[in-house]
Amino acid sequence: MNAEDIKALIATGFACEHIEVEGDGRHWFAVIVSSAFEGKNRVQRQRMVNATVQAKMATDELHALSMKTLTPAEWAERQA
């Protein structure tokens, strides 16, 4: 898998305002911004993302994905 594949996989699970993915082909890091994260804690957000990539992780096509999950307001605050 490459970064674009992972972005597309995450985006099929829920609407995202912004997704960045980088990695070395085995270990990936994603920044995911979505209104769907509103009112959810960090664990709930990560579970949402994990649900979208679970099948690829089960086959080891996607080995490891760490992530930062943010609401649009949190993202805007960090960009300021």
PDB file of N, CA and C in Angstrom:
ATOM      1  N   MET A   1       0.844  -1.180   0.000  1.00  0.00           N
ATOM      2  CA  MET A   1       0.000   0.000   0.000  1.00  0.00           C
ATOM      3  C   MET A   1       0.885   1.238   0.000  1.00  0.00           C
ATOM      4  N   ASN A   2       0.335   2.295  -0.581  1.00  0.00           N
ATOM      5  CA  ASN A   2       1.037   3.570  -0.533  1.00  0.00           C
ATOM      6  C   ASN A   2       0.150   4.594   0.184  1.00  0.00           C
ATOM      7  N   ALA A   3       0.664   5.794   0.357  1.00  0.00           N
ATOM      8  CA  ALA A   3      -0.047   6.825   1.117  1.00  0.00           C
ATOM      9  C   ALA A   3      -1.414   7.139   0.510  1.00  0.00           C
ATOM     10  N   GLU A   4      -1.498   7.198  -0.811  1.00  0.00           N
ATOM     11  CA  GLU A   4      -2.775   7.508  -1.467  1.00  0.00           C
ATOM     12  C   GLU A   4      -3.794   6.402  -1.231  1.00  0.00           C
ATOM     13  N   ASP A   5      -3.347   5.154  -1.241  1.00  0.00           N
ATOM     14  CA  ASP A   5      -4.241   4.023  -0.961  1.00  0.00           C
ATOM     15  C   ASP A   5      -4.819   4.132   0.446  1.00  0.00           C
ATOM     16  N   ILE A   6      -3.972   4.477   1.390  1.00  0.00           N
ATOM     17  CA  ILE A   6      -4.410   4.579   2.787  1.00  0.00           C
ATOM     18  C   ILE A   6      -5.380   5.740   2.960  1.00  0.00           C
ATOM     19  N   LYS A   7      -5.078   6.867   2.344  1.00  0.00           N
ATOM     20  CA  LYS A   7      -6.000   8.012   2.388  1.00  0.00           C
ATOM     21  C   LYS A   7      -7.369   7.617   1.859  1.00  0.00           C
ATOM     22  N   ALA A   8      -7.388   6.958   0.717  1.00  0.00           N
ATOM     23  CA  ALA A   8      -8.656   6.554   0.100  1.00  0.00           C
ATOM     24  C   ALA A   8      -9.402   5.572   0.993  1.00  0.00           C
ATOM     25  N   LEU A   9      -8.690   4.670   1.612  1.00  0.00           N
ATOM     26  CA  LEU A   9      -9.299   3.686   2.496  1.00  0.00           C
ATOM     27  C   LEU A   9      -9.972   4.367   3.686  1.00  0.00           C
ATOM     28  N   ILE A  10      -9.279   5.298   4.304  1.00  0.00           N
ATOM     29  CA  ILE A  10      -9.844   6.026   5.446  1.00  0.00           C
ATOM     30  C   ILE A  10     -11.060   6.841   5.006  1.00  0.00           C
ATOM     31  N   ALA A  11     -10.941   7.514   3.877  1.00  0.00           N
ATOM     32  CA  ALA A  11     -12.022   8.383   3.393  1.00  0.00           C
ATOM     33  C   ALA A  11     -13.284   7.612   3.031  1.00  0.00           C
ATOM     34  N   THR A  12     -13.177   6.325   2.763  1.00  0.00           N
ATOM     35  CA  THR A  12     -14.378   5.545   2.467  1.00  0.00           C
ATOM     36  C   THR A  12     -15.188   5.263   3.728  1.00  0.00           C
ATOM     37  N   GLY A  13     -14.561   5.363   4.891  1.00  0.00           N
ATOM     38  CA  GLY A  13     -15.241   5.061   6.147  1.00  0.00           C
ATOM     39  C   GLY A  13     -16.101   6.190   6.677  1.00  0.00           C
ATOM     40  N   PHE A  14     -15.668   7.423   6.460  1.00  0.00           N
ATOM     41  CA  PHE A  14     -16.409   8.589   6.930  1.00  0.00           C
ATOM     42  C   PHE A  14     -15.827   9.830   6.261  1.00  0.00           C
ATOM     43  N   ALA A  15     -16.614  10.896   6.241  1.00  0.00           N
ATOM     44  CA  ALA A  15     -16.177  12.134   5.585  1.00  0.00           C
ATOM     45  C   ALA A  15     -15.018  12.764   6.350  1.00  0.00           C
ATOM     46  N   CYS A  16     -13.997  13.137   5.620  1.00  0.00           N
ATOM     47  CA  CYS A  16     -12.822  13.769   6.218  1.00  0.00           C
ATOM     48  C   CYS A  16     -12.564  15.105   5.525  1.00  0.00           C
ATOM     49  N   GLU A  17     -12.255  16.099   6.320  1.00  0.00           N
ATOM     50  CA  GLU A  17     -11.929  17.405   5.771  1.00  0.00           C
ATOM     51  C   GLU A  17     -10.473  17.457   5.310  1.00  0.00           C
ATOM     52  N   HIS A  18      -9.631  16.615   5.934  1.00  0.00           N
ATOM     53  CA  HIS A  18      -8.197  16.635   5.616  1.00  0.00           C
ATOM     54  C   HIS A  18      -7.586  15.309   6.054  1.00  0.00           C
ATOM     55  N   ILE A  19      -6.729  14.751   5.214  1.00  0.00           N
ATOM     56  CA  ILE A  19      -5.982  13.545   5.568  1.00  0.00           C
ATOM     57  C   ILE A  19      -4.560  13.699   5.036  1.00  0.00           C
ATOM     58  N   GLU A  20      -3.596  13.491   5.914  1.00  0.00           N
ATOM     59  CA  GLU A  20      -2.184  13.434   5.518  1.00  0.00           C
ATOM     60  C   GLU A  20      -1.687  12.051   5.926  1.00  0.00           C
ATOM     61  N   VAL A  21      -0.950  11.398   5.056  1.00  0.00           N
ATOM     62  CA  VAL A  21      -0.366  10.101   5.381  1.00  0.00           C
ATOM     63  C   VAL A  21       1.086  10.094   4.920  1.00  0.00           C
ATOM     64  N   GLU A  22       1.958   9.643   5.801  1.00  0.00           N
ATOM     65  CA  GLU A  22       3.364   9.485   5.420  1.00  0.00           C
ATOM     66  C   GLU A  22       3.902   8.230   6.090  1.00  0.00           C
ATOM     67  N   GLY A  23       4.921   7.670   5.487  1.00  0.00           N
ATOM     68  CA  GLY A  23       5.499   6.478   6.065  1.00  0.00           C
ATOM     69  C   GLY A  23       6.547   5.863   5.176  1.00  0.00           C
ATOM     70  N   ASP A  24       7.007   4.687   5.585  1.00  0.00           N
ATOM     71  CA  ASP A  24       8.105   4.022   4.891  1.00  0.00           C
ATOM     72  C   ASP A  24       7.678   2.777   4.118  1.00  0.00           C
ATOM     73  N   GLY A  25       6.378   2.595   3.965  1.00  0.00           N
ATOM     74  CA  GLY A  25       5.887   1.425   3.263  1.00  0.00           C
ATOM     75  C   GLY A  25       5.392   0.334   4.195  1.00  0.00           C
ATOM     76  N   ARG A  26       5.824   0.342   5.425  1.00  0.00           N
ATOM     77  CA  ARG A  26       5.377  -0.615   6.443  1.00  0.00           C
ATOM     78  C   ARG A  26       4.736   0.106   7.624  1.00  0.00           C
ATOM     79  N   HIS A  27       5.387   1.168   8.068  1.00  0.00           N
ATOM     80  CA  HIS A  27       4.913   1.934   9.220  1.00  0.00           C
ATOM     81  C   HIS A  27       4.436   3.291   8.730  1.00  0.00           C
ATOM     82  N   TRP A  28       3.185   3.591   9.059  1.00  0.00           N
ATOM     83  CA  TRP A  28       2.549   4.802   8.545  1.00  0.00           C
ATOM     84  C   TRP A  28       2.068   5.679   9.686  1.00  0.00           C
ATOM     85  N   PHE A  29       2.008   6.992   9.401  1.00  0.00           N
ATOM     86  CA  PHE A  29       1.456   7.972  10.338  1.00  0.00           C
ATOM     87  C   PHE A  29       0.447   8.805   9.575  1.00  0.00           C
ATOM     88  N   ALA A  30      -0.724   9.001  10.167  1.00  0.00           N
ATOM     89  CA  ALA A  30      -1.772   9.782   9.514  1.00  0.00           C
ATOM     90  C   ALA A  30      -2.270  10.894  10.422  1.00  0.00           C
ATOM     91  N   VAL A  31      -2.558  12.029   9.824  1.00  0.00           N
ATOM     92  CA  VAL A  31      -3.285  13.112  10.470  1.00  0.00           C
ATOM     93  C   VAL A  31      -4.636  13.138   9.788  1.00  0.00           C
ATOM     94  N   ILE A  32      -5.683  12.952  10.569  1.00  0.00           N
ATOM     95  CA  ILE A  32      -7.027  12.852  10.019  1.00  0.00           C
ATOM     96  C   ILE A  32      -7.910  13.905  10.681  1.00  0.00           C
ATOM     97  N   VAL A  33      -8.520  14.742   9.870  1.00  0.00           N
ATOM     98  CA  VAL A  33      -9.401  15.801  10.363  1.00  0.00           C
ATOM     99  C   VAL A  33     -10.808  15.493   9.868  1.00  0.00           C
ATOM    100  N   SER A  34     -11.743  15.385  10.817  1.00  0.00           N
ATOM    101  CA  SER A  34     -13.115  15.057  10.436  1.00  0.00           C
ATOM    102  C   SER A  34     -14.111  15.612  11.436  1.00  0.00           C
ATOM    103  N   SER A  35     -15.215  16.129  10.919  1.00  0.00           N
ATOM    104  CA  SER A  35     -16.322  16.556  11.780  1.00  0.00           C
ATOM    105  C   SER A  35     -16.944  15.370  12.491  1.00  0.00           C
ATOM    106  N   ALA A  36     -16.748  14.175  11.951  1.00  0.00           N
ATOM    107  CA  ALA A  36     -17.288  12.961  12.571  1.00  0.00           C
ATOM    108  C   ALA A  36     -16.662  12.700  13.937  1.00  0.00           C
ATOM    109  N   PHE A  37     -15.539  13.335  14.225  1.00  0.00           N
ATOM    110  CA  PHE A  37     -14.867  13.167  15.522  1.00  0.00           C
ATOM    111  C   PHE A  37     -15.458  14.039  16.626  1.00  0.00           C
ATOM    112  N   GLU A  38     -16.337  14.972  16.254  1.00  0.00           N
ATOM    113  CA  GLU A  38     -16.939  15.879  17.244  1.00  0.00           C
ATOM    114  C   GLU A  38     -17.598  15.070  18.363  1.00  0.00           C
ATOM    115  N   GLY A  39     -17.297  15.419  19.609  1.00  0.00           N
ATOM    116  CA  GLY A  39     -17.915  14.781  20.766  1.00  0.00           C
ATOM    117  C   GLY A  39     -17.364  13.408  21.103  1.00  0.00           C
ATOM    118  N   LYS A  40     -16.330  12.974  20.386  1.00  0.00           N
ATOM    119  CA  LYS A  40     -15.752  11.658  20.643  1.00  0.00           C
ATOM    120  C   LYS A  40     -14.372  11.825  21.277  1.00  0.00           C
ATOM    121  N   ASN A  41     -14.030  10.889  22.156  1.00  0.00           N
ATOM    122  CA  ASN A  41     -12.704  10.946  22.762  1.00  0.00           C
ATOM    123  C   ASN A  41     -11.678  10.318  21.820  1.00  0.00           C
ATOM    124  N   ARG A  42     -10.419  10.378  22.208  1.00  0.00           N
ATOM    125  CA  ARG A  42      -9.327   9.901  21.358  1.00  0.00           C
ATOM    126  C   ARG A  42      -9.484   8.424  20.994  1.00  0.00           C
ATOM    127  N   VAL A  43      -9.856   7.602  21.943  1.00  0.00           N
ATOM    128  CA  VAL A  43     -10.011   6.169  21.692  1.00  0.00           C
ATOM    129  C   VAL A  43     -11.149   5.912  20.710  1.00  0.00           C
ATOM    130  N   GLN A  44     -12.269   6.587  20.880  1.00  0.00           N
ATOM    131  CA  GLN A  44     -13.400   6.424  19.958  1.00  0.00           C
ATOM    132  C   GLN A  44     -13.018   6.841  18.537  1.00  0.00           C
ATOM    133  N   ARG A  45     -12.260   7.907  18.430  1.00  0.00           N
ATOM    134  CA  ARG A  45     -11.818   8.385  17.125  1.00  0.00           C
ATOM    135  C   ARG A  45     -10.904   7.350  16.456  1.00  0.00           C
ATOM    136  N   GLN A  46      -9.961   6.831  17.223  1.00  0.00           N
ATOM    137  CA  GLN A  46      -9.036   5.847  16.665  1.00  0.00           C
ATOM    138  C   GLN A  46      -9.765   4.573  16.261  1.00  0.00           C
ATOM    139  N   ARG A  47     -10.760   4.196  17.020  1.00  0.00           N
ATOM    140  CA  ARG A  47     -11.554   3.017  16.651  1.00  0.00           C
ATOM    141  C   ARG A  47     -12.288   3.232  15.328  1.00  0.00           C
ATOM    142  N   MET A  48     -12.759   4.454  15.105  1.00  0.00           N
ATOM    143  CA  MET A  48     -13.415   4.763  13.830  1.00  0.00           C
ATOM    144  C   MET A  48     -12.450   4.553  12.667  1.00  0.00           C
ATOM    145  N   VAL A  49     -11.234   5.067  12.823  1.00  0.00           N
ATOM    146  CA  VAL A  49     -10.243   4.933  11.765  1.00  0.00           C
ATOM    147  C   VAL A  49      -9.838   3.468  11.612  1.00  0.00           C
ATOM    148  N   ASN A  50      -9.592   2.797  12.724  1.00  0.00           N
ATOM    149  CA  ASN A  50      -9.194   1.391  12.669  1.00  0.00           C
ATOM    150  C   ASN A  50     -10.232   0.537  11.961  1.00  0.00           C
ATOM    151  N   ALA A  51     -11.496   0.863  12.134  1.00  0.00           N
ATOM    152  CA  ALA A  51     -12.553   0.103  11.466  1.00  0.00           C
ATOM    153  C   ALA A  51     -12.433   0.203   9.947  1.00  0.00           C
ATOM    154  N   THR A  52     -11.915   1.318   9.444  1.00  0.00           N
ATOM    155  CA  THR A  52     -11.798   1.495   7.991  1.00  0.00           C
ATOM    156  C   THR A  52     -10.597   0.763   7.407  1.00  0.00           C
ATOM    157  N   VAL A  53      -9.597   0.476   8.225  1.00  0.00           N
ATOM    158  CA  VAL A  53      -8.370  -0.161   7.722  1.00  0.00           C
ATOM    159  C   VAL A  53      -8.202  -1.600   8.217  1.00  0.00           C
ATOM    160  N   GLN A  54      -9.119  -2.066   9.004  1.00  0.00           N
ATOM    161  CA  GLN A  54      -9.012  -3.360   9.660  1.00  0.00           C
ATOM    162  C   GLN A  54      -8.751  -4.515   8.684  1.00  0.00           C
ATOM    163  N   ALA A  55      -9.445  -4.559   7.571  1.00  0.00           N
ATOM    164  CA  ALA A  55      -9.275  -5.658   6.618  1.00  0.00           C
ATOM    165  C   ALA A  55      -7.860  -5.687   6.055  1.00  0.00           C
ATOM    166  N   LYS A  56      -7.299  -4.524   5.763  1.00  0.00           N
ATOM    167  CA  LYS A  56      -5.931  -4.462   5.219  1.00  0.00           C
ATOM    168  C   LYS A  56      -4.900  -4.816   6.279  1.00  0.00           C
ATOM    169  N   MET A  57      -5.183  -4.494   7.535  1.00  0.00           N
ATOM    170  CA  MET A  57      -4.264  -4.862   8.614  1.00  0.00           C
ATOM    171  C   MET A  57      -4.311  -6.371   8.856  1.00  0.00           C
ATOM    172  N   ALA A  58      -5.475  -6.958   8.704  1.00  0.00           N
ATOM    173  CA  ALA A  58      -5.624  -8.398   8.926  1.00  0.00           C
ATOM    174  C   ALA A  58      -4.803  -9.206   7.925  1.00  0.00           C
ATOM    175  N   THR A  59      -4.626  -8.670   6.726  1.00  0.00           N
ATOM    176  CA  THR A  59      -3.845  -9.367   5.702  1.00  0.00           C
ATOM    177  C   THR A  59      -2.401  -8.884   5.660  1.00  0.00           C
ATOM    178  N   ASP A  60      -2.039  -7.965   6.542  1.00  0.00           N
ATOM    179  CA  ASP A  60      -0.709  -7.362   6.638  1.00  0.00           C
ATOM    180  C   ASP A  60      -0.348  -6.515   5.421  1.00  0.00           C
ATOM    181  N   GLU A  61      -1.342  -6.162   4.599  1.00  0.00           N
ATOM    182  CA  GLU A  61      -1.088  -5.197   3.525  1.00  0.00           C
ATOM    183  C   GLU A  61      -0.752  -3.847   4.142  1.00  0.00           C
ATOM    184  N   LEU A  62      -1.353  -3.590   5.277  1.00  0.00           N
ATOM    185  CA  LEU A  62      -1.075  -2.398   6.071  1.00  0.00           C
ATOM    186  C   LEU A  62      -0.570  -2.902   7.413  1.00  0.00           C
ATOM    187  N   HIS A  63       0.704  -2.703   7.670  1.00  0.00           N
ATOM    188  CA  HIS A  63       1.328  -3.278   8.856  1.00  0.00           C
ATOM    189  C   HIS A  63       1.066  -2.457  10.115  1.00  0.00           C
ATOM    190  N   ALA A  64       1.310  -1.164  10.053  1.00  0.00           N
ATOM    191  CA  ALA A  64       1.163  -0.323  11.251  1.00  0.00           C
ATOM    192  C   ALA A  64       0.706   1.072  10.853  1.00  0.00           C
ATOM    193  N   LEU A  65      -0.254   1.594  11.596  1.00  0.00           N
ATOM    194  CA  LEU A  65      -0.753   2.945  11.352  1.00  0.00           C
ATOM    195  C   LEU A  65      -0.938   3.647  12.682  1.00  0.00           C
ATOM    196  N   SER A  66      -0.137   4.660  12.912  1.00  0.00           N
ATOM    197  CA  SER A  66      -0.369   5.529  14.060  1.00  0.00           C
ATOM    198  C   SER A  66      -1.064   6.767  13.529  1.00  0.00           C
ATOM    199  N   MET A  67      -1.771   7.456  14.402  1.00  0.00           N
ATOM    200  CA  MET A  67      -2.587   8.553  13.892  1.00  0.00           C
ATOM    201  C   MET A  67      -2.793   9.659  14.911  1.00  0.00           C
ATOM    202  N   LYS A  68      -3.088  10.808  14.358  1.00  0.00           N
ATOM    203  CA  LYS A  68      -3.550  11.959  15.125  1.00  0.00           C
ATOM    204  C   LYS A  68      -4.916  12.269  14.553  1.00  0.00           C
ATOM    205  N   THR A  69      -5.940  12.250  15.393  1.00  0.00           N
ATOM    206  CA  THR A  69      -7.314  12.483  14.947  1.00  0.00           C
ATOM    207  C   THR A  69      -7.809  13.799  15.532  1.00  0.00           C
ATOM    208  N   LEU A  70      -8.263  14.678  14.665  1.00  0.00           N
ATOM    209  CA  LEU A  70      -8.649  16.021  15.082  1.00  0.00           C
ATOM    210  C   LEU A  70      -9.983  16.436  14.471  1.00  0.00           C
ATOM    211  N   THR A  71     -10.712  17.252  15.205  1.00  0.00           N
ATOM    212  CA  THR A  71     -11.894  17.901  14.642  1.00  0.00           C
ATOM    213  C   THR A  71     -11.406  19.089  13.814  1.00  0.00           C
ATOM    214  N   PRO A  72     -12.250  19.631  12.947  1.00  0.00           N
ATOM    215  CA  PRO A  72     -11.824  20.820  12.182  1.00  0.00           C
ATOM    216  C   PRO A  72     -11.399  21.979  13.095  1.00  0.00           C
ATOM    217  N   ALA A  73     -12.087  22.174  14.205  1.00  0.00           N
ATOM    218  CA  ALA A  73     -11.717  23.263  15.125  1.00  0.00           C
ATOM    219  C   ALA A  73     -10.347  23.004  15.748  1.00  0.00           C
ATOM    220  N   GLU A  74     -10.067  21.774  16.140  1.00  0.00           N
ATOM    221  CA  GLU A  74      -8.761  21.426  16.710  1.00  0.00           C
ATOM    222  C   GLU A  74      -7.657  21.614  15.671  1.00  0.00           C
ATOM    223  N   TRP A  75      -7.939  21.222  14.438  1.00  0.00           N
ATOM    224  CA  TRP A  75      -6.981  21.386  13.357  1.00  0.00           C
ATOM    225  C   TRP A  75      -6.689  22.859  13.110  1.00  0.00           C
ATOM    226  N   ALA A  76      -7.734  23.684  13.056  1.00  0.00           N
ATOM    227  CA  ALA A  76      -7.554  25.122  12.830  1.00  0.00           C
ATOM    228  C   ALA A  76      -6.738  25.749  13.954  1.00  0.00           C
ATOM    229  N   GLU A  77      -6.992  25.319  15.172  1.00  0.00           N
ATOM    230  CA  GLU A  77      -6.257  25.828  16.326  1.00  0.00           C
ATOM    231  C   GLU A  77      -4.767  25.500  16.210  1.00  0.00           C
ATOM    232  N   ARG A  78      -4.449  24.311  15.764  1.00  0.00           N
ATOM    233  CA  ARG A  78      -3.050  23.896  15.617  1.00  0.00           C
ATOM    234  C   ARG A  78      -2.371  24.604  14.454  1.00  0.00           C
ATOM    235  N   GLN A  79      -3.123  25.007  13.453  1.00  0.00           N
ATOM    236  CA  GLN A  79      -2.559  25.683  12.298  1.00  0.00           C
ATOM    237  C   GLN A  79      -2.309  27.161  12.566  1.00  0.00           C
ATOM    238  N   ALA A  80      -2.963  27.691  13.600  1.00  0.00           N
ATOM    239  CA  ALA A  80      -2.823  29.129  13.910  1.00  0.00           C
ATOM    240  C   ALA A  80      -1.488  29.448  14.533  1.00  0.00           C
TER     241      ALA A  80
END
